[in-house]
Each structure stands twice: as C-alpha cells, then as structure tokens.
Amino acid sequence: MSVIEILKVIVQGIVEGFTEWLPISSTGHMFLVDEIIHMDQPKEYLDVFFVVIQLGAILAVVLLYFDRLNPFSRRKRPAAKRATVILWMKIVVACIPAAVIGLLLDDWMEAHLNNAYVVSATLIIYGVVFILLERRNQNVTFPVQKTSQVTFQTALYIGLFQLLSLVPGTSRSGATILGAMLLGCSRGVAAEFSFFLGVPVMFGASLLKLVKFFMEGSSFSGPQVFYMLLGMVVAFLVSVYSIRFLLGYVRNHDFTFFGYYRIVLGIVVLSYFGITALAV
C-alpha cells in the first residue's frame, strides 16, 4: 500500500465530493485530475473506482435529508408520511428514462464518447446554455417553489433531461437542474430534486459497474478495496459541505458563475489534452 497512492485517492475523493453536486461536471474534473496525478492502478479498476466513490456522495444526501426522505419516521404525521411516499414515487418516475436508456447505451457511450474532446465540448456548450438561461430568467418568478409542487409529469420530464448526462462532461446535476428550471422549478427546488434523484441513479450506476467488473472475472486486491472505501469516505465528507454550499448559494445567486466556470474548464481540458496529443 503506497502513501502516494493514498494521497491521490484523497485528492480524487475531494474532487468528487465538490463537483458531483455542483453543475460543473465531475467527469471533466476527473479527466483533468487523473491526467495530472494518475493513480497507479489498472484501467479496469479505475473505471469502477471513479463511479463507486460516488456512493460516498450519495450518503451525504441520505444524511442531510434523512428525515425528509424517510417515510417511516415516527416523528412524522400520516399526511407527512404520505407526502414522503409520493416524493419517492416521483423520484422513481424520474429515474425510469435513465434506467431504460442508460442500460442500453452505457457500454456504447463509454466506448465512443468517453474522451477529453467530448468532455470539453459538453462543458462549454452547457456553460453557454446556463448563461443564456439565467439571462432569460432575470426577474422571472418560478411557479414551482416547493419540491412537493413538482408533478409526476414534471418529474418524468426532468428524468428525460437527465438522459443528457449520459454524454460525459454534461454533468448529471447540471442536466437535471437545467431541465427543472426550464420546467418552472425555482433554483432551490431544482437543486434539491437533483440531489434526491441522484440517490437511486448513482446507486444503480455503481451497482452496474461492480456487477460488470465481477462478471468479467476481475477482483479487487486488499489495497484496492481500501482505496475505494477511502475515496468514498472523503467524497462523503466533502459532499456534505458541497450540498450545503450550493443550497446557500442559490438563495441569493443564480447559476451564471457556474456557466462561466464550465466554459473556462472546457477550454483548459481541450487545451491540455490537445497539447498533450501534439507532443506525442
């Protein structure tokens, strides 16, 4: 077990925790960071590692919203329990498109679109979309001000927007937040529903990666298991802060800053990998 490798895992966990819930693409950051501090592990392991450490980020949502998402809480009245069950039903409806289309296209997307040029392009494109959308939203009052006001139809449409995140660099949270805002949700509601939707989606993605990994006859060594668990713990701790930061930020700001950030990051990723390709 290498101390240097442990430090790399901690850095990747920090990056995952910060970027998973912000609409800035964790994939884009992972591409860049992995190129700079490449972990000394087989590609097959890294493909699983970068997905499974997201479980730590998921647990942050579960912790922060445990009462909100728990339909069996004794502190809740029957009406509140019913509202929680209905919320979960909407989350499930929103997950259907990704569950169906994602399973069909996962391998193809990874084989054909998982490269720096696609990532940089989507970072820039959706950065521009965020800026244009927020300019349009100036002085706009969103009709959906509470998560409970999200209808089943709206939830399904948000799930369809989530399909855009199958393309690397799009950002799952970015796609769902954009979609929710276009459908009339306030920034806070869009962010919260994106958090909730991430729980089953990321659990499913992690499970799918692990199943494929083991079905191919691969296995983890002791240090590799430790690295994965460490990455999850770091991602969990940082995600708690990241989620609280975003919710506090959208109370007084829009997403324009994240749009410009995406554009700059996209240019950096494109320039770095373009120069690297020319140097080879």
Protein backbone atom coordinates (compact mmCIF):
# COMPACT_ATOMS: atom_id res chain seq x y z
CA MET A 1 0.00 0.00 0.00
CA SER A 2 1.53 3.30 -1.13
CA VAL A 3 1.34 6.59 0.77
CA ILE A 4 1.49 8.45 -2.55
CA GLU A 5 -1.42 6.40 -3.85
CA ILE A 6 -3.39 7.17 -0.68
CA LEU A 7 -2.81 10.90 -1.22
CA LYS A 8 -4.01 10.57 -4.82
CA VAL A 9 -7.17 8.82 -3.62
CA ILE A 10 -7.81 11.62 -1.10
CA VAL A 11 -7.45 14.24 -3.85
CA GLN A 12 -9.85 12.33 -6.10
CA GLY A 13 -12.33 11.99 -3.23
CA ILE A 14 -12.18 15.74 -2.62
CA VAL A 15 -12.73 16.45 -6.32
CA GLU A 16 -15.67 14.03 -6.47
CA GLY A 17 -17.26 15.47 -3.32
CA PHE A 18 -17.03 19.06 -4.56
CA THR A 19 -18.05 18.51 -8.17
CA GLU A 20 -20.72 15.78 -8.01
CA TRP A 21 -23.49 18.05 -6.76
CA LEU A 22 -22.43 21.29 -8.42
CA PRO A 23 -23.49 21.69 -12.09
CA ILE A 24 -19.88 21.66 -13.32
CA SER A 25 -19.29 18.01 -14.30
CA SER A 26 -17.38 15.69 -12.03
CA THR A 27 -16.24 13.80 -15.16
CA GLY A 28 -14.48 16.85 -16.57
CA HIS A 29 -12.60 17.37 -13.34
CA MET A 30 -11.78 13.67 -13.04
CA PHE A 31 -10.31 13.69 -16.55
CA LEU A 32 -8.01 16.57 -15.73
CA VAL A 33 -7.02 15.47 -12.23
CA ASP A 34 -6.40 11.87 -13.27
CA GLU A 35 -4.12 13.06 -16.05
CA ILE A 36 -2.09 15.18 -13.62
CA ILE A 37 -1.91 12.72 -10.70
CA HIS A 38 -2.65 9.43 -12.43
CA MET A 39 -3.33 6.61 -9.98
CA ASP A 40 -1.07 3.60 -10.44
CA GLN A 41 -3.95 1.17 -10.99
CA PRO A 42 -5.29 -0.86 -13.94
CA LYS A 43 -7.80 0.90 -16.19
CA GLU A 44 -10.48 -1.68 -15.33
CA TYR A 45 -10.17 -0.80 -11.66
CA LEU A 46 -10.16 2.97 -12.27
CA ASP A 47 -13.33 2.71 -14.38
CA VAL A 48 -15.06 1.19 -11.35
CA PHE A 49 -13.32 3.40 -8.77
CA PHE A 50 -14.46 6.69 -10.31
CA VAL A 51 -18.09 5.52 -10.28
CA VAL A 52 -18.23 3.68 -6.96
CA ILE A 53 -16.72 6.51 -4.88
CA GLN A 54 -19.90 8.37 -5.80
CA LEU A 55 -21.59 6.21 -3.16
CA GLY A 56 -19.91 8.42 -0.57
CA ALA A 57 -21.51 11.46 -2.17
CA ILE A 58 -24.90 9.71 -2.11
CA LEU A 59 -24.61 9.02 1.61
CA ALA A 60 -24.18 12.75 2.18
CA VAL A 61 -27.64 13.33 0.68
CA VAL A 62 -29.07 10.49 2.77
CA LEU A 63 -27.57 12.04 5.92
CA LEU A 64 -28.64 15.63 5.26
CA TYR A 65 -32.15 14.69 4.11
CA PHE A 66 -32.74 11.57 6.19
CA ASP A 67 -35.90 12.83 7.89
CA ARG A 68 -37.17 14.33 4.66
CA LEU A 69 -36.69 11.10 2.72
CA ASN A 70 -37.69 8.66 5.46
CA PRO A 71 -41.38 7.68 5.12
CA PHE A 72 -41.24 5.57 8.29
CA SER A 73 -40.18 8.32 10.71
CA ARG A 74 -42.19 8.18 13.93
CA ARG A 75 -41.97 11.95 14.20
CA LYS A 76 -43.98 12.38 11.01
CA ARG A 77 -47.75 12.60 10.95
CA PRO A 78 -49.65 10.39 8.49
CA ALA A 79 -50.01 13.26 5.99
CA ALA A 80 -46.25 13.89 6.06
CA LYS A 81 -45.55 10.17 5.58
CA ARG A 82 -47.86 10.10 2.56
CA ALA A 83 -46.09 13.15 1.15
CA THR A 84 -42.73 11.39 1.53
CA VAL A 85 -44.04 8.27 -0.24
CA ILE A 86 -45.36 10.44 -3.07
CA LEU A 87 -41.96 12.18 -3.32
CA TRP A 88 -40.27 8.78 -3.69
CA MET A 89 -42.80 7.80 -6.35
CA LYS A 90 -41.89 10.94 -8.30
CA ILE A 91 -38.19 10.15 -7.91
CA VAL A 92 -38.79 6.64 -9.26
CA VAL A 93 -40.73 8.04 -12.23
CA ALA A 94 -37.86 10.43 -12.96
CA CYS A 95 -35.39 7.51 -12.84
CA ILE A 96 -37.21 5.43 -15.47
CA PRO A 97 -35.65 7.06 -18.57
CA ALA A 98 -32.10 6.67 -17.25
CA ALA A 99 -32.78 3.12 -16.08
CA VAL A 100 -34.03 2.05 -19.51
CA ILE A 101 -31.93 4.08 -21.93
CA GLY A 102 -28.88 4.15 -19.66
CA LEU A 103 -28.67 0.36 -19.51
CA LEU A 104 -28.96 0.12 -23.29
CA LEU A 105 -26.40 2.80 -24.12
CA ASP A 106 -23.93 2.60 -21.21
CA ASP A 107 -21.30 0.47 -22.95
CA TRP A 108 -21.63 2.35 -26.27
CA MET A 109 -21.32 5.74 -24.60
CA GLU A 110 -18.25 4.65 -22.65
CA ALA A 111 -16.58 3.22 -25.77
CA HIS A 112 -17.29 6.12 -28.15
CA LEU A 113 -17.80 9.30 -26.12
CA ASN A 114 -15.61 8.91 -23.05
CA ASN A 115 -12.79 11.18 -24.24
CA ALA A 116 -11.43 14.63 -23.47
CA TYR A 117 -12.78 16.25 -26.64
CA VAL A 118 -16.38 15.27 -25.94
CA VAL A 119 -15.99 16.30 -22.29
CA SER A 120 -14.58 19.72 -23.18
CA ALA A 121 -17.29 20.30 -25.80
CA THR A 122 -20.14 19.49 -23.41
CA LEU A 123 -18.58 21.58 -20.66
CA ILE A 124 -18.52 24.62 -22.95
CA ILE A 125 -21.91 24.03 -24.59
CA TYR A 126 -23.82 23.65 -21.34
CA GLY A 127 -21.87 26.52 -19.81
CA VAL A 128 -23.25 28.75 -22.55
CA VAL A 129 -26.75 27.29 -22.01
CA PHE A 130 -26.59 28.10 -18.28
CA ILE A 131 -25.60 31.71 -19.01
CA LEU A 132 -28.34 32.19 -21.63
CA LEU A 133 -30.96 30.55 -19.40
CA GLU A 134 -30.12 32.76 -16.43
CA ARG A 135 -30.26 35.87 -18.60
CA ARG A 136 -33.72 34.80 -19.67
CA ASN A 137 -34.68 34.14 -16.04
CA GLN A 138 -33.83 37.63 -14.80
CA ASN A 139 -36.86 38.96 -12.88
CA VAL A 140 -38.73 35.69 -13.54
CA THR A 141 -40.86 34.22 -10.75
CA PHE A 142 -40.76 30.43 -10.88
CA PRO A 143 -44.18 28.81 -10.41
CA VAL A 144 -42.75 25.78 -8.57
CA GLN A 145 -41.36 26.99 -5.24
CA LYS A 146 -41.55 23.74 -3.24
CA THR A 147 -40.39 20.22 -4.05
CA SER A 148 -43.88 18.98 -3.18
CA GLN A 149 -45.22 21.04 -6.10
CA VAL A 150 -43.24 19.01 -8.64
CA THR A 151 -45.84 16.95 -10.52
CA PHE A 152 -45.36 13.40 -11.81
CA GLN A 153 -45.28 14.77 -15.34
CA THR A 154 -42.60 17.30 -14.44
CA ALA A 155 -40.61 14.58 -12.67
CA LEU A 156 -40.70 12.44 -15.81
CA TYR A 157 -39.55 15.36 -17.96
CA ILE A 158 -36.69 16.06 -15.54
CA GLY A 159 -35.77 12.38 -15.90
CA LEU A 160 -35.66 12.85 -19.67
CA PHE A 161 -33.30 15.80 -19.25
CA GLN A 162 -31.15 13.56 -17.08
CA LEU A 163 -30.52 11.41 -20.16
CA LEU A 164 -28.33 14.22 -21.47
CA SER A 165 -25.85 13.41 -18.72
CA LEU A 166 -25.10 10.07 -20.39
CA VAL A 167 -22.74 12.12 -22.54
CA PRO A 168 -19.54 12.64 -20.48
CA GLY A 169 -18.94 16.19 -19.32
CA THR A 170 -22.61 17.17 -19.30
CA SER A 171 -23.00 16.78 -15.50
CA ARG A 172 -25.94 14.84 -14.09
CA SER A 173 -26.77 17.62 -11.66
CA GLY A 174 -26.30 20.22 -14.40
CA ALA A 175 -28.70 18.47 -16.78
CA THR A 176 -31.39 17.92 -14.16
CA ILE A 177 -31.10 21.44 -12.74
CA LEU A 178 -31.32 22.96 -16.23
CA GLY A 179 -34.30 20.80 -17.06
CA ALA A 180 -36.11 21.56 -13.81
CA MET A 181 -35.63 25.30 -14.25
CA LEU A 182 -36.87 25.16 -17.85
CA LEU A 183 -39.94 23.37 -16.49
CA GLY A 184 -40.65 26.16 -14.00
CA CYS A 185 -38.86 24.99 -10.86
CA SER A 186 -37.03 27.51 -8.71
CA ARG A 187 -33.26 27.15 -8.37
CA GLY A 188 -33.60 25.71 -4.86
CA VAL A 189 -36.24 23.16 -5.90
CA ALA A 190 -34.21 22.23 -9.00
CA ALA A 191 -31.11 21.63 -6.86
CA GLU A 192 -32.97 19.63 -4.21
CA PHE A 193 -34.79 17.42 -6.68
CA SER A 194 -31.46 16.82 -8.43
CA PHE A 195 -29.98 15.69 -5.09
CA PHE A 196 -32.88 13.30 -4.45
CA LEU A 197 -32.78 11.92 -7.98
CA GLY A 198 -29.07 11.25 -7.62
CA VAL A 199 -29.59 8.71 -4.82
CA PRO A 200 -31.16 5.84 -6.82
CA VAL A 201 -29.40 6.78 -10.07
CA MET A 202 -25.91 6.72 -8.59
CA PHE A 203 -26.62 3.62 -6.51
CA GLY A 204 -27.74 1.92 -9.72
CA ALA A 205 -24.72 3.12 -11.71
CA SER A 206 -22.33 1.90 -9.01
CA LEU A 207 -24.05 -1.47 -8.78
CA LEU A 208 -23.95 -1.86 -12.57
CA LYS A 209 -20.22 -1.14 -12.68
CA LEU A 210 -19.49 -3.62 -9.90
CA VAL A 211 -21.61 -6.35 -11.48
CA LYS A 212 -19.89 -5.92 -14.84
CA PHE A 213 -16.48 -5.88 -13.17
CA PHE A 214 -17.03 -9.15 -11.33
CA MET A 215 -18.82 -10.84 -14.24
CA GLU A 216 -15.72 -10.25 -16.34
CA GLY A 217 -13.79 -12.33 -13.82
CA SER A 218 -11.97 -9.41 -12.20
CA SER A 219 -11.44 -8.90 -8.48
CA PHE A 220 -10.08 -6.32 -6.05
CA SER A 221 -6.90 -6.63 -4.04
CA GLY A 222 -6.85 -5.62 -0.37
CA PRO A 223 -5.26 -2.20 -1.06
CA GLN A 224 -7.72 -1.55 -3.89
CA VAL A 225 -10.66 -2.15 -1.55
CA PHE A 226 -9.08 0.25 0.95
CA TYR A 227 -8.54 2.92 -1.74
CA MET A 228 -12.17 2.67 -2.82
CA LEU A 229 -13.50 2.91 0.73
CA LEU A 230 -11.18 5.83 1.49
CA GLY A 231 -12.35 7.64 -1.65
CA MET A 232 -15.96 7.12 -0.60
CA VAL A 233 -15.35 8.49 2.91
CA VAL A 234 -13.57 11.59 1.60
CA ALA A 235 -16.27 12.15 -1.04
CA PHE A 236 -18.93 11.83 1.68
CA LEU A 237 -17.31 14.41 3.97
CA VAL A 238 -16.71 16.92 1.19
CA SER A 239 -20.20 16.36 -0.29
CA VAL A 240 -21.84 17.39 2.98
CA TYR A 241 -20.16 20.78 2.63
CA SER A 242 -20.75 20.97 -1.13
CA ILE A 243 -24.50 20.37 -0.84
CA ARG A 244 -24.89 22.93 1.95
CA PHE A 245 -22.84 25.41 -0.06
CA LEU A 246 -24.99 25.05 -3.20
CA LEU A 247 -28.27 25.40 -1.31
CA GLY A 248 -26.98 28.51 0.43
CA TYR A 249 -25.58 29.90 -2.81
CA VAL A 250 -28.81 29.62 -4.83
CA ARG A 251 -30.77 31.53 -2.21
CA ASN A 252 -29.03 34.73 -3.29
CA HIS A 253 -27.37 33.92 -6.63
CA ASP A 254 -28.13 32.34 -9.98
CA PHE A 255 -26.09 29.75 -11.90
CA THR A 256 -24.31 32.20 -14.21
CA PHE A 257 -20.98 31.78 -12.38
CA PHE A 258 -21.10 28.02 -12.95
CA GLY A 259 -21.75 28.64 -16.65
CA TYR A 260 -18.57 30.72 -16.98
CA TYR A 261 -16.66 28.20 -14.87
CA ARG A 262 -17.70 25.38 -17.20
CA ILE A 263 -16.55 27.32 -20.25
CA VAL A 264 -13.15 28.04 -18.71
CA LEU A 265 -12.74 24.42 -17.57
CA GLY A 266 -13.74 23.16 -21.01
CA ILE A 267 -11.11 25.34 -22.65
CA VAL A 268 -8.50 24.15 -20.13
CA VAL A 269 -9.35 20.47 -20.74
CA LEU A 270 -9.33 20.93 -24.52
CA SER A 271 -6.05 22.85 -24.46
CA TYR A 272 -4.31 20.43 -22.11
CA PHE A 273 -5.24 17.28 -23.97
CA GLY A 274 -4.76 18.94 -27.37
CA ILE A 275 -1.21 19.99 -26.46
CA THR A 276 -0.52 16.56 -24.99
CA ALA A 277 -1.70 14.88 -28.22
CA LEU A 278 0.52 17.13 -30.36
CA ALA A 279 3.52 16.42 -28.12
CA VAL A 280 3.19 12.66 -28.52
